[in-house]
Amino acid sequence: MRTRLLVTRPDRFEAIIEALREAADELEWEVVPESLGGRPVDPAEVERETRARGGVHPVRPHVVRIVVRGVQPEAAHVDAARLLRRARSRHPDLTGVELDRIATPDA
């Protein structure tokens, strides 16, 4: 199962992360915003940087890694598609988020 989502709208990064966190909370999961290289990022800083560039951001998506909250061996495995469906059911205008289709060991 996929454990990551790609976010391609840095101008709406905070709202996207908030919508994903809301859906993840219901599933007892957490979302961790990162750069494509795996470095943690602050959604507010991504938006500030995007605004400083006039709304244009370098062509590099950000990653949202999905993890199970706490240590719960009986918890369901994370599923990026399930999280995205849930978030979109509550936020139909959620754009700029897609499944991570990049071939990575943890995706």
N, C-alpha and C. Protein backbone atom coordinates (compact mmCIF):
# COMPACT_ATOMS: atom_id res chain seq x y z
N MET A 1 0.84 -1.19 0.00
CA MET A 1 0.00 0.00 0.00
C MET A 1 0.88 1.24 0.00
N ARG A 2 0.37 2.26 -0.60
CA ARG A 2 1.08 3.54 -0.66
C ARG A 2 1.01 4.23 0.70
N THR A 3 2.13 4.84 1.08
CA THR A 3 2.18 5.54 2.37
C THR A 3 2.48 7.02 2.20
N ARG A 4 2.46 7.50 0.94
CA ARG A 4 2.77 8.91 0.70
C ARG A 4 1.84 9.51 -0.34
N LEU A 5 1.65 10.81 -0.20
CA LEU A 5 0.91 11.60 -1.19
C LEU A 5 1.85 12.68 -1.71
N LEU A 6 1.60 13.14 -2.92
CA LEU A 6 2.34 14.28 -3.48
C LEU A 6 1.44 15.50 -3.47
N VAL A 7 2.01 16.63 -3.10
CA VAL A 7 1.28 17.89 -3.11
C VAL A 7 1.95 18.80 -4.12
N THR A 8 1.17 19.24 -5.10
CA THR A 8 1.72 20.06 -6.17
C THR A 8 1.22 21.50 -6.13
N ARG A 9 0.53 21.87 -5.07
CA ARG A 9 0.00 23.24 -4.92
C ARG A 9 0.62 23.89 -3.68
N PRO A 10 1.86 24.40 -3.78
CA PRO A 10 2.48 25.02 -2.62
C PRO A 10 1.76 26.29 -2.17
N ASP A 11 0.99 26.91 -3.08
CA ASP A 11 0.26 28.11 -2.70
C ASP A 11 -0.92 27.81 -1.78
N ARG A 12 -1.30 26.53 -1.67
CA ARG A 12 -2.41 26.12 -0.78
C ARG A 12 -1.93 25.06 0.22
N PHE A 13 -0.64 25.00 0.45
CA PHE A 13 -0.05 23.90 1.22
C PHE A 13 -0.64 23.78 2.62
N GLU A 14 -0.80 24.90 3.32
CA GLU A 14 -1.35 24.84 4.69
C GLU A 14 -2.76 24.26 4.70
N ALA A 15 -3.62 24.72 3.81
CA ALA A 15 -5.00 24.23 3.76
C ALA A 15 -5.04 22.75 3.38
N ILE A 16 -4.18 22.35 2.48
CA ILE A 16 -4.12 20.94 2.07
C ILE A 16 -3.69 20.08 3.24
N ILE A 17 -2.65 20.50 3.94
CA ILE A 17 -2.17 19.72 5.10
C ILE A 17 -3.25 19.66 6.17
N GLU A 18 -3.94 20.76 6.40
CA GLU A 18 -5.01 20.77 7.41
C GLU A 18 -6.11 19.78 7.05
N ALA A 19 -6.52 19.76 5.78
CA ALA A 19 -7.56 18.83 5.34
C ALA A 19 -7.09 17.38 5.49
N LEU A 20 -5.84 17.12 5.16
CA LEU A 20 -5.30 15.77 5.29
C LEU A 20 -5.16 15.37 6.76
N ARG A 21 -4.77 16.31 7.61
CA ARG A 21 -4.65 16.02 9.06
C ARG A 21 -6.01 15.69 9.66
N GLU A 22 -7.02 16.43 9.23
CA GLU A 22 -8.38 16.18 9.72
C GLU A 22 -8.81 14.75 9.38
N ALA A 23 -8.58 14.34 8.15
CA ALA A 23 -8.95 12.99 7.73
C ALA A 23 -8.06 11.95 8.42
N ALA A 24 -6.78 12.24 8.56
CA ALA A 24 -5.86 11.31 9.21
C ALA A 24 -6.22 11.09 10.68
N ASP A 25 -6.62 12.16 11.35
CA ASP A 25 -7.03 12.04 12.76
C ASP A 25 -8.14 11.03 12.93
N GLU A 26 -9.10 11.04 12.02
CA GLU A 26 -10.22 10.10 12.09
C GLU A 26 -9.75 8.65 11.95
N LEU A 27 -8.65 8.45 11.26
CA LEU A 27 -8.12 7.10 11.03
C LEU A 27 -7.03 6.73 12.03
N GLU A 28 -6.73 7.64 12.96
CA GLU A 28 -5.66 7.49 13.94
C GLU A 28 -4.31 7.38 13.26
N TRP A 29 -4.14 8.19 12.22
CA TRP A 29 -2.88 8.32 11.51
C TRP A 29 -2.38 9.74 11.66
N GLU A 30 -1.15 9.96 11.25
CA GLU A 30 -0.57 11.30 11.24
C GLU A 30 -0.02 11.56 9.85
N VAL A 31 0.01 12.83 9.46
CA VAL A 31 0.64 13.21 8.21
C VAL A 31 1.88 14.05 8.52
N VAL A 32 2.94 13.79 7.77
CA VAL A 32 4.21 14.46 7.98
C VAL A 32 4.62 15.13 6.66
N PRO A 33 4.50 16.46 6.56
CA PRO A 33 4.90 17.14 5.34
C PRO A 33 6.43 17.15 5.20
N GLU A 34 6.90 16.80 3.99
CA GLU A 34 8.34 16.71 3.74
C GLU A 34 8.66 17.24 2.35
N SER A 35 9.94 17.51 2.14
CA SER A 35 10.41 17.81 0.80
C SER A 35 10.48 16.48 0.05
N LEU A 36 10.67 16.54 -1.25
CA LEU A 36 10.77 15.32 -2.03
C LEU A 36 11.96 14.48 -1.57
N GLY A 37 12.96 15.13 -1.00
CA GLY A 37 14.13 14.42 -0.49
C GLY A 37 13.96 13.87 0.92
N GLY A 38 12.81 14.10 1.55
CA GLY A 38 12.55 13.54 2.87
C GLY A 38 12.81 14.48 4.03
N ARG A 39 13.12 15.75 3.75
CA ARG A 39 13.37 16.72 4.81
C ARG A 39 12.04 17.29 5.29
N PRO A 40 11.80 17.32 6.60
CA PRO A 40 10.55 17.90 7.11
C PRO A 40 10.43 19.36 6.67
N VAL A 41 9.21 19.77 6.34
CA VAL A 41 8.97 21.15 5.94
C VAL A 41 7.81 21.71 6.75
N ASP A 42 7.81 23.01 6.88
CA ASP A 42 6.74 23.73 7.56
C ASP A 42 5.79 24.26 6.48
N PRO A 43 4.53 23.81 6.49
CA PRO A 43 3.60 24.25 5.46
C PRO A 43 3.49 25.77 5.34
N ALA A 44 3.52 26.48 6.47
CA ALA A 44 3.43 27.94 6.43
C ALA A 44 4.64 28.53 5.72
N GLU A 45 5.82 27.96 5.94
CA GLU A 45 7.04 28.45 5.30
C GLU A 45 7.00 28.18 3.79
N VAL A 46 6.46 27.04 3.40
CA VAL A 46 6.33 26.74 1.97
C VAL A 46 5.45 27.79 1.30
N GLU A 47 4.34 28.14 1.94
CA GLU A 47 3.46 29.17 1.38
C GLU A 47 4.13 30.54 1.34
N ARG A 48 4.86 30.90 2.42
CA ARG A 48 5.57 32.19 2.44
C ARG A 48 6.58 32.26 1.30
N GLU A 49 7.32 31.18 1.11
CA GLU A 49 8.32 31.14 0.04
C GLU A 49 7.64 31.26 -1.33
N THR A 50 6.51 30.61 -1.48
CA THR A 50 5.77 30.67 -2.74
C THR A 50 5.28 32.09 -3.01
N ARG A 51 4.73 32.76 -1.99
CA ARG A 51 4.28 34.15 -2.15
C ARG A 51 5.45 35.07 -2.47
N ALA A 52 6.59 34.84 -1.82
CA ALA A 52 7.76 35.69 -2.06
C ALA A 52 8.24 35.56 -3.51
N ARG A 53 7.95 34.45 -4.14
CA ARG A 53 8.33 34.23 -5.54
C ARG A 53 7.19 34.65 -6.48
N GLY A 54 6.23 35.37 -5.96
CA GLY A 54 5.13 35.83 -6.78
C GLY A 54 4.12 34.74 -7.09
N GLY A 55 4.00 33.77 -6.19
CA GLY A 55 3.04 32.68 -6.39
C GLY A 55 3.60 31.53 -7.19
N VAL A 56 4.84 31.67 -7.61
CA VAL A 56 5.48 30.61 -8.40
C VAL A 56 6.46 29.87 -7.51
N HIS A 57 6.41 28.57 -7.56
CA HIS A 57 7.32 27.74 -6.76
C HIS A 57 8.10 26.87 -7.73
N PRO A 58 9.35 26.59 -7.43
CA PRO A 58 10.09 25.69 -8.31
C PRO A 58 9.30 24.41 -8.52
N VAL A 59 9.44 23.82 -9.67
CA VAL A 59 8.70 22.60 -9.98
C VAL A 59 9.28 21.46 -9.16
N ARG A 60 8.77 21.31 -7.98
CA ARG A 60 9.15 20.22 -7.10
C ARG A 60 8.00 19.98 -6.14
N PRO A 61 7.39 18.86 -6.28
CA PRO A 61 6.28 18.58 -5.37
C PRO A 61 6.79 18.35 -3.95
N HIS A 62 5.89 18.47 -3.03
CA HIS A 62 6.19 18.12 -1.64
C HIS A 62 5.52 16.79 -1.36
N VAL A 63 6.02 16.10 -0.38
CA VAL A 63 5.52 14.79 -0.02
C VAL A 63 4.82 14.88 1.33
N VAL A 64 3.75 14.12 1.46
CA VAL A 64 3.10 13.97 2.76
C VAL A 64 3.20 12.49 3.10
N ARG A 65 4.02 12.20 4.09
CA ARG A 65 4.18 10.82 4.55
C ARG A 65 3.09 10.53 5.57
N ILE A 66 2.52 9.35 5.51
CA ILE A 66 1.42 8.97 6.40
C ILE A 66 1.94 7.87 7.33
N VAL A 67 1.75 8.07 8.61
CA VAL A 67 2.22 7.10 9.60
C VAL A 67 1.11 6.82 10.61
N VAL A 68 1.17 5.65 11.22
CA VAL A 68 0.23 5.29 12.27
C VAL A 68 0.60 6.06 13.53
N ARG A 69 -0.38 6.65 14.18
CA ARG A 69 -0.15 7.40 15.41
C ARG A 69 0.22 6.44 16.53
N GLY A 70 1.30 6.75 17.24
CA GLY A 70 1.72 5.94 18.37
C GLY A 70 2.19 4.56 17.95
N VAL A 71 2.29 3.68 18.90
CA VAL A 71 2.72 2.30 18.64
C VAL A 71 1.52 1.41 18.87
N GLN A 72 0.85 1.05 17.80
CA GLN A 72 -0.36 0.24 17.89
C GLN A 72 -0.21 -0.94 16.92
N PRO A 73 0.27 -2.07 17.39
CA PRO A 73 0.49 -3.19 16.47
C PRO A 73 -0.78 -3.66 15.78
N GLU A 74 -1.93 -3.46 16.41
CA GLU A 74 -3.19 -3.91 15.81
C GLU A 74 -3.80 -2.87 14.87
N ALA A 75 -3.17 -1.70 14.75
CA ALA A 75 -3.70 -0.63 13.90
C ALA A 75 -3.64 -1.03 12.43
N ALA A 76 -4.59 -0.53 11.70
CA ALA A 76 -4.63 -0.79 10.26
C ALA A 76 -3.42 -0.16 9.59
N HIS A 77 -2.95 -0.80 8.54
CA HIS A 77 -1.84 -0.23 7.78
C HIS A 77 -2.32 1.02 7.07
N VAL A 78 -1.43 1.99 6.95
CA VAL A 78 -1.82 3.23 6.28
C VAL A 78 -2.03 2.98 4.80
N ASP A 79 -2.90 3.74 4.22
CA ASP A 79 -3.24 3.62 2.81
C ASP A 79 -3.51 5.02 2.28
N ALA A 80 -2.59 5.54 1.49
CA ALA A 80 -2.70 6.91 0.99
C ALA A 80 -3.99 7.12 0.20
N ALA A 81 -4.41 6.13 -0.57
CA ALA A 81 -5.64 6.27 -1.35
C ALA A 81 -6.84 6.43 -0.43
N ARG A 82 -6.87 5.68 0.64
CA ARG A 82 -7.99 5.78 1.60
C ARG A 82 -8.02 7.16 2.25
N LEU A 83 -6.85 7.66 2.64
CA LEU A 83 -6.78 8.98 3.25
C LEU A 83 -7.23 10.05 2.26
N LEU A 84 -6.78 9.96 1.02
CA LEU A 84 -7.15 10.95 0.02
C LEU A 84 -8.65 10.94 -0.26
N ARG A 85 -9.24 9.75 -0.36
CA ARG A 85 -10.69 9.65 -0.57
C ARG A 85 -11.45 10.31 0.58
N ARG A 86 -11.01 10.02 1.80
CA ARG A 86 -11.69 10.58 2.98
C ARG A 86 -11.56 12.10 3.00
N ALA A 87 -10.38 12.60 2.73
CA ALA A 87 -10.17 14.06 2.74
C ALA A 87 -11.01 14.73 1.65
N ARG A 88 -11.07 14.13 0.47
CA ARG A 88 -11.85 14.71 -0.63
C ARG A 88 -13.35 14.62 -0.38
N SER A 89 -13.78 13.62 0.39
CA SER A 89 -15.21 13.54 0.69
C SER A 89 -15.65 14.69 1.59
N ARG A 90 -14.73 15.19 2.39
CA ARG A 90 -15.04 16.30 3.29
C ARG A 90 -14.68 17.66 2.69
N HIS A 91 -13.76 17.65 1.73
CA HIS A 91 -13.28 18.87 1.09
C HIS A 91 -13.28 18.65 -0.43
N PRO A 92 -14.43 18.73 -1.08
CA PRO A 92 -14.53 18.45 -2.51
C PRO A 92 -13.64 19.34 -3.38
N ASP A 93 -13.26 20.51 -2.86
CA ASP A 93 -12.41 21.41 -3.63
C ASP A 93 -10.92 21.13 -3.43
N LEU A 94 -10.58 20.04 -2.78
CA LEU A 94 -9.18 19.70 -2.50
C LEU A 94 -8.48 19.33 -3.81
N THR A 95 -7.62 20.22 -4.27
CA THR A 95 -6.86 19.99 -5.50
C THR A 95 -5.38 20.10 -5.19
N GLY A 96 -4.57 19.56 -6.09
CA GLY A 96 -3.13 19.64 -5.91
C GLY A 96 -2.57 18.54 -5.04
N VAL A 97 -3.35 17.47 -4.84
CA VAL A 97 -2.90 16.32 -4.05
C VAL A 97 -3.16 15.07 -4.88
N GLU A 98 -2.17 14.20 -4.93
CA GLU A 98 -2.34 12.97 -5.68
C GLU A 98 -1.53 11.86 -5.03
N LEU A 99 -1.82 10.64 -5.44
CA LEU A 99 -1.06 9.51 -4.93
C LEU A 99 0.38 9.63 -5.42
N ASP A 100 1.30 9.21 -4.59
CA ASP A 100 2.71 9.19 -4.95
C ASP A 100 2.95 8.02 -5.88
N ARG A 101 3.20 8.31 -7.13
CA ARG A 101 3.44 7.25 -8.11
C ARG A 101 4.92 7.14 -8.45
N ILE A 102 5.76 7.83 -7.69
CA ILE A 102 7.19 7.74 -7.89
C ILE A 102 7.66 6.46 -7.23
N ALA A 103 8.46 5.70 -7.93
CA ALA A 103 8.93 4.41 -7.41
C ALA A 103 9.97 4.65 -6.31
N THR A 104 9.55 4.50 -5.07
CA THR A 104 10.43 4.63 -3.93
C THR A 104 10.21 3.42 -3.04
N PRO A 105 11.21 3.04 -2.27
CA PRO A 105 11.07 1.83 -1.43
C PRO A 105 9.90 1.86 -0.47
N ASP A 106 9.53 3.04 0.08
CA ASP A 106 8.47 3.09 1.09
C ASP A 106 7.13 3.51 0.52
N ALA A 107 7.05 3.75 -0.76
CA ALA A 107 5.80 4.26 -1.34
C ALA A 107 4.80 3.17 -1.61
